[in-house]
């Protein structure tokens, strides 16, 4: 084994160690922030300004199986009848439906010309 190869191995081991320490520290900080809502809100607001950092922190949180990181696992209730909607949701639904119908009519008329 040459000197350069040994140096590369030492460098790789150091990187692995540093990454492990940082991940451990981040996991502890995320857990602490999760227990303190005011700190969590401020931290989230700050981190959201840096999308790449936010994505990395989310990866760490998911890999550590932290509950707040499971935001994408939301269950949805399927509404089969408009009467099941709240009044506000029903109003929005009807507005969207009218806009879609109006838009379909325009496309259909444009296709005929």
N, C-alpha and C. Protein backbone atom coordinates (compact mmCIF):
# COMPACT_ATOMS: atom_id res chain seq x y z
N UNK A 1 0.85 -1.17 0.00
CA UNK A 1 0.00 0.00 0.00
C UNK A 1 0.90 1.23 0.00
N UNK A 2 0.62 2.12 -0.96
CA UNK A 2 1.43 3.32 -1.07
C UNK A 2 0.98 4.39 -0.09
N UNK A 3 1.79 5.39 -0.01
CA UNK A 3 1.50 6.50 0.91
C UNK A 3 0.24 7.25 0.49
N UNK A 4 0.05 7.44 -0.82
CA UNK A 4 -1.14 8.16 -1.31
C UNK A 4 -2.42 7.38 -1.00
N UNK A 5 -2.36 6.08 -1.19
CA UNK A 5 -3.54 5.25 -0.93
C UNK A 5 -3.88 5.27 0.56
N UNK A 6 -2.88 5.23 1.41
CA UNK A 6 -3.11 5.30 2.86
C UNK A 6 -3.72 6.65 3.23
N UNK A 7 -3.23 7.70 2.60
CA UNK A 7 -3.77 9.04 2.88
C UNK A 7 -5.23 9.13 2.46
N UNK A 8 -5.56 8.54 1.32
CA UNK A 8 -6.96 8.53 0.86
C UNK A 8 -7.86 7.78 1.83
N UNK A 9 -7.38 6.65 2.33
CA UNK A 9 -8.16 5.87 3.28
C UNK A 9 -8.38 6.64 4.58
N UNK A 10 -7.36 7.30 5.05
CA UNK A 10 -7.48 8.11 6.27
C UNK A 10 -8.47 9.24 6.05
N UNK A 11 -8.38 9.87 4.89
CA UNK A 11 -9.30 10.97 4.56
C UNK A 11 -10.73 10.45 4.50
N UNK A 12 -10.93 9.30 3.87
CA UNK A 12 -12.28 8.72 3.77
C UNK A 12 -12.82 8.37 5.15
N UNK A 13 -11.98 7.80 6.01
CA UNK A 13 -12.42 7.46 7.37
C UNK A 13 -12.77 8.71 8.17
N UNK A 14 -11.99 9.76 8.00
CA UNK A 14 -12.27 11.03 8.68
C UNK A 14 -13.60 11.60 8.22
N UNK A 15 -13.84 11.57 6.91
CA UNK A 15 -15.12 12.05 6.38
C UNK A 15 -16.29 11.27 6.96
N UNK A 16 -16.16 9.95 6.98
CA UNK A 16 -17.22 9.11 7.54
C UNK A 16 -17.48 9.46 9.00
N UNK A 17 -16.41 9.65 9.76
CA UNK A 17 -16.55 9.98 11.17
C UNK A 17 -17.24 11.33 11.36
N UNK A 18 -16.82 12.31 10.58
CA UNK A 18 -17.41 13.66 10.67
C UNK A 18 -18.88 13.60 10.30
N UNK A 19 -19.22 12.89 9.23
CA UNK A 19 -20.62 12.77 8.83
C UNK A 19 -21.45 12.11 9.93
N UNK A 20 -20.90 11.07 10.54
CA UNK A 20 -21.61 10.36 11.60
C UNK A 20 -21.86 11.29 12.79
N UNK A 21 -20.85 12.07 13.17
CA UNK A 21 -20.99 13.00 14.29
C UNK A 21 -22.03 14.08 13.97
N UNK A 22 -21.98 14.61 12.74
CA UNK A 22 -22.93 15.66 12.34
C UNK A 22 -24.35 15.10 12.32
N UNK A 23 -24.54 13.91 11.77
CA UNK A 23 -25.87 13.32 11.73
C UNK A 23 -26.42 13.08 13.13
N UNK A 24 -25.53 12.61 14.02
CA UNK A 24 -25.96 12.40 15.40
C UNK A 24 -26.38 13.72 16.05
N UNK A 25 -25.57 14.75 15.87
CA UNK A 25 -25.87 16.06 16.46
C UNK A 25 -27.16 16.64 15.87
N UNK A 26 -27.32 16.52 14.55
CA UNK A 26 -28.54 17.01 13.91
C UNK A 26 -29.78 16.27 14.43
N UNK A 27 -29.65 14.99 14.58
CA UNK A 27 -30.76 14.20 15.11
C UNK A 27 -31.14 14.67 16.51
N UNK A 28 -30.15 14.94 17.34
CA UNK A 28 -30.43 15.43 18.70
C UNK A 28 -31.07 16.81 18.66
N UNK A 29 -30.56 17.68 17.77
CA UNK A 29 -31.12 19.03 17.67
C UNK A 29 -32.56 19.00 17.17
N UNK A 30 -32.83 18.13 16.18
CA UNK A 30 -34.19 18.02 15.66
C UNK A 30 -35.12 17.51 16.75
N UNK A 31 -34.67 16.53 17.50
CA UNK A 31 -35.47 16.00 18.61
C UNK A 31 -35.75 17.07 19.67
N UNK A 32 -34.74 17.87 19.98
CA UNK A 32 -34.90 18.95 20.96
C UNK A 32 -35.89 19.99 20.46
N UNK A 33 -35.74 20.37 19.19
CA UNK A 33 -36.64 21.38 18.61
C UNK A 33 -38.06 20.84 18.56
N UNK A 34 -38.21 19.55 18.33
CA UNK A 34 -39.54 18.95 18.27
C UNK A 34 -40.26 19.05 19.62
N UNK A 35 -39.49 19.06 20.70
CA UNK A 35 -40.08 19.15 22.04
C UNK A 35 -40.33 20.59 22.48
N UNK A 36 -39.85 21.55 21.72
CA UNK A 36 -40.02 22.97 22.05
C UNK A 36 -40.65 23.69 20.86
N UNK A 37 -41.98 23.81 20.84
CA UNK A 37 -42.71 24.32 19.68
C UNK A 37 -42.26 25.70 19.19
N UNK A 38 -41.95 26.62 20.09
CA UNK A 38 -41.53 27.97 19.67
C UNK A 38 -40.20 27.90 18.92
N UNK A 39 -39.28 27.12 19.46
CA UNK A 39 -37.98 26.96 18.80
C UNK A 39 -38.15 26.24 17.47
N UNK A 40 -39.03 25.25 17.45
CA UNK A 40 -39.29 24.50 16.22
C UNK A 40 -39.82 25.43 15.13
N UNK A 41 -40.78 26.28 15.47
CA UNK A 41 -41.38 27.19 14.49
C UNK A 41 -40.33 28.14 13.92
N UNK A 42 -39.51 28.70 14.79
CA UNK A 42 -38.45 29.61 14.32
C UNK A 42 -37.43 28.88 13.45
N UNK A 43 -37.07 27.68 13.89
CA UNK A 43 -36.08 26.90 13.14
C UNK A 43 -36.60 26.54 11.76
N UNK A 44 -37.86 26.13 11.69
CA UNK A 44 -38.45 25.76 10.40
C UNK A 44 -38.49 26.97 9.48
N UNK A 45 -38.88 28.12 10.03
CA UNK A 45 -38.94 29.34 9.22
C UNK A 45 -37.56 29.69 8.67
N UNK A 46 -36.54 29.51 9.49
CA UNK A 46 -35.18 29.82 9.05
C UNK A 46 -34.70 28.83 8.00
N UNK A 47 -34.92 27.56 8.25
CA UNK A 47 -34.42 26.51 7.34
C UNK A 47 -35.14 26.54 6.00
N UNK A 48 -36.41 26.96 5.98
CA UNK A 48 -37.16 26.99 4.73
C UNK A 48 -36.59 27.98 3.73
N UNK A 49 -35.76 28.88 4.18
CA UNK A 49 -35.12 29.82 3.25
C UNK A 49 -33.99 29.17 2.48
N UNK A 50 -33.60 27.96 2.89
CA UNK A 50 -32.51 27.23 2.24
C UNK A 50 -33.00 25.84 1.83
N UNK A 51 -33.57 25.72 0.63
CA UNK A 51 -34.21 24.45 0.22
C UNK A 51 -33.30 23.23 0.27
N UNK A 52 -32.05 23.38 -0.10
CA UNK A 52 -31.15 22.22 -0.09
C UNK A 52 -30.88 21.76 1.34
N UNK A 53 -30.68 22.72 2.24
CA UNK A 53 -30.47 22.38 3.65
C UNK A 53 -31.73 21.74 4.22
N UNK A 54 -32.89 22.27 3.87
CA UNK A 54 -34.15 21.71 4.34
C UNK A 54 -34.30 20.26 3.88
N UNK A 55 -33.96 19.99 2.63
CA UNK A 55 -34.06 18.63 2.10
C UNK A 55 -33.12 17.67 2.85
N UNK A 56 -31.92 18.15 3.13
CA UNK A 56 -30.95 17.31 3.85
C UNK A 56 -31.41 17.03 5.27
N UNK A 57 -31.92 18.06 5.95
CA UNK A 57 -32.41 17.87 7.31
C UNK A 57 -33.61 16.92 7.33
N UNK A 58 -34.45 17.03 6.31
CA UNK A 58 -35.59 16.13 6.22
C UNK A 58 -35.11 14.68 6.05
N UNK A 59 -34.06 14.49 5.25
CA UNK A 59 -33.50 13.14 5.06
C UNK A 59 -33.00 12.59 6.39
N UNK A 60 -32.30 13.43 7.16
CA UNK A 60 -31.78 12.99 8.45
C UNK A 60 -32.94 12.62 9.37
N UNK A 61 -33.96 13.46 9.40
CA UNK A 61 -35.10 13.21 10.27
C UNK A 61 -35.82 11.92 9.87
N UNK A 62 -35.99 11.70 8.58
CA UNK A 62 -36.67 10.49 8.11
C UNK A 62 -35.82 9.27 8.43
N UNK A 63 -34.51 9.35 8.23
CA UNK A 63 -33.65 8.21 8.50
C UNK A 63 -33.63 7.88 9.99
N UNK A 64 -33.87 8.87 10.82
CA UNK A 64 -33.92 8.63 12.27
C UNK A 64 -35.34 8.33 12.75
N UNK A 65 -36.27 8.22 11.80
CA UNK A 65 -37.67 7.89 12.08
C UNK A 65 -38.31 8.85 13.07
N UNK A 66 -38.07 10.13 12.86
CA UNK A 66 -38.67 11.14 13.71
C UNK A 66 -40.08 11.44 13.21
N UNK A 67 -41.02 11.57 14.10
CA UNK A 67 -42.43 11.63 13.74
C UNK A 67 -42.76 12.84 12.88
N UNK A 68 -42.22 14.00 13.17
CA UNK A 68 -42.60 15.19 12.41
C UNK A 68 -42.09 15.17 10.99
N UNK A 69 -41.15 14.31 10.67
CA UNK A 69 -40.62 14.24 9.32
C UNK A 69 -41.52 13.42 8.40
N UNK A 70 -42.52 12.76 8.96
CA UNK A 70 -43.40 11.92 8.17
C UNK A 70 -44.60 12.71 7.68
N UNK A 71 -44.38 13.92 7.23
CA UNK A 71 -45.46 14.79 6.81
C UNK A 71 -46.12 14.31 5.52
N UNK A 72 -45.42 13.54 4.71
CA UNK A 72 -45.97 13.10 3.44
C UNK A 72 -46.92 11.91 3.60
N UNK A 73 -46.94 11.30 4.77
CA UNK A 73 -47.80 10.14 5.00
C UNK A 73 -49.15 10.60 5.56
N UNK A 74 -49.85 11.42 4.84
CA UNK A 74 -51.13 11.96 5.28
C UNK A 74 -52.23 11.08 4.70
N UNK A 75 -53.20 10.74 5.53
CA UNK A 75 -54.33 9.97 5.00
C UNK A 75 -55.41 10.93 4.55
N UNK A 76 -56.04 10.61 3.45
CA UNK A 76 -57.07 11.46 2.87
C UNK A 76 -58.40 10.74 2.92
N UNK A 77 -59.46 11.49 3.17
CA UNK A 77 -60.80 10.94 3.14
C UNK A 77 -61.40 11.27 1.78
N UNK A 78 -61.82 10.27 1.06
CA UNK A 78 -62.39 10.48 -0.27
C UNK A 78 -63.85 10.86 -0.10
N UNK A 79 -64.21 11.98 -0.71
CA UNK A 79 -65.58 12.47 -0.64
C UNK A 79 -66.29 12.02 -1.91
N UNK A 80 -67.38 11.29 -1.74
CA UNK A 80 -68.11 10.78 -2.90
C UNK A 80 -69.33 11.61 -3.24
N UNK A 81 -69.75 12.47 -2.31
CA UNK A 81 -70.93 13.28 -2.53
C UNK A 81 -70.63 14.71 -2.09
N UNK A 82 -71.09 15.67 -2.87
CA UNK A 82 -70.82 17.07 -2.57
C UNK A 82 -71.41 17.49 -1.22
N UNK A 83 -72.45 16.80 -0.76
CA UNK A 83 -73.08 17.14 0.52
C UNK A 83 -72.16 16.84 1.71
N UNK A 84 -71.12 16.03 1.49
CA UNK A 84 -70.18 15.70 2.56
C UNK A 84 -69.16 16.81 2.78
N UNK A 85 -69.08 17.76 1.85
CA UNK A 85 -68.12 18.86 1.96
C UNK A 85 -68.60 19.92 2.94
N UNK A 86 -67.64 20.65 3.50
CA UNK A 86 -67.99 21.79 4.33
C UNK A 86 -68.54 22.88 3.41
N UNK A 87 -69.26 23.86 3.95
CA UNK A 87 -69.80 24.92 3.10
C UNK A 87 -68.70 25.65 2.30
N UNK A 88 -67.57 25.92 2.94
CA UNK A 88 -66.48 26.61 2.24
C UNK A 88 -65.92 25.74 1.12
N UNK A 89 -65.71 24.45 1.41
CA UNK A 89 -65.19 23.53 0.40
C UNK A 89 -66.19 23.36 -0.74
N UNK A 90 -67.47 23.31 -0.41
CA UNK A 90 -68.51 23.18 -1.43
C UNK A 90 -68.51 24.39 -2.36
N UNK A 91 -68.35 25.58 -1.78
CA UNK A 91 -68.30 26.80 -2.59
C UNK A 91 -67.10 26.79 -3.54
N UNK A 92 -65.95 26.41 -3.03
CA UNK A 92 -64.74 26.34 -3.85
C UNK A 92 -64.91 25.30 -4.95
N UNK A 93 -65.48 24.14 -4.59
CA UNK A 93 -65.70 23.08 -5.57
C UNK A 93 -66.59 23.56 -6.71
N UNK A 94 -67.69 24.23 -6.36
CA UNK A 94 -68.62 24.69 -7.39
C UNK A 94 -67.99 25.76 -8.27
N UNK A 95 -67.18 26.64 -7.69
CA UNK A 95 -66.47 27.65 -8.49
C UNK A 95 -65.50 26.99 -9.45
N UNK A 96 -64.75 26.01 -8.96
CA UNK A 96 -63.80 25.31 -9.83
C UNK A 96 -64.52 24.56 -10.95
N UNK A 97 -65.62 23.93 -10.59
CA UNK A 97 -66.39 23.17 -11.59
C UNK A 97 -66.91 24.10 -12.69
N UNK A 98 -67.41 25.27 -12.29
CA UNK A 98 -67.91 26.24 -13.26
C UNK A 98 -66.78 26.74 -14.16
N UNK A 99 -65.60 26.98 -13.58
CA UNK A 99 -64.46 27.45 -14.36
C UNK A 99 -64.00 26.38 -15.35
N UNK A 100 -64.00 25.13 -14.93
CA UNK A 100 -63.60 24.04 -15.82
C UNK A 100 -64.59 23.93 -16.98
N UNK A 101 -65.87 23.98 -16.68
CA UNK A 101 -66.89 23.90 -17.73
C UNK A 101 -66.76 25.06 -18.71
N UNK A 102 -66.53 26.24 -18.18
CA UNK A 102 -66.36 27.43 -19.03
C UNK A 102 -65.13 27.27 -19.93
N UNK A 103 -64.06 26.75 -19.36
CA UNK A 103 -62.82 26.55 -20.10
C UNK A 103 -62.99 25.47 -21.16
N UNK A 104 -63.71 24.41 -20.86
CA UNK A 104 -63.97 23.35 -21.85
C UNK A 104 -64.74 23.90 -23.04
N UNK A 105 -65.71 24.76 -22.78
CA UNK A 105 -66.48 25.38 -23.85
C UNK A 105 -65.60 26.19 -24.78
N UNK A 106 -64.65 26.93 -24.23
CA UNK A 106 -63.73 27.73 -25.05
C UNK A 106 -62.87 26.84 -25.93
N UNK A 107 -62.33 25.77 -25.37
CA UNK A 107 -61.48 24.87 -26.14
C UNK A 107 -62.29 24.22 -27.27
N UNK A 108 -63.51 23.82 -26.95
CA UNK A 108 -64.36 23.17 -27.94
C UNK A 108 -64.66 24.13 -29.09
N UNK A 109 -64.98 25.40 -28.76
CA UNK A 109 -65.26 26.40 -29.80
C UNK A 109 -64.03 26.67 -30.64
N UNK A 110 -62.85 26.70 -30.02
CA UNK A 110 -61.60 26.96 -30.73
C UNK A 110 -61.28 25.83 -31.71
N UNK A 111 -61.63 24.58 -31.33
CA UNK A 111 -61.37 23.42 -32.17
C UNK A 111 -62.26 23.43 -33.41
N UNK A 112 -63.45 23.99 -33.28
CA UNK A 112 -64.39 24.03 -34.41
C UNK A 112 -63.97 25.03 -35.48
N UNK A 113 -63.26 26.09 -35.09
CA UNK A 113 -62.92 27.14 -36.07
C UNK A 113 -61.86 26.68 -37.03
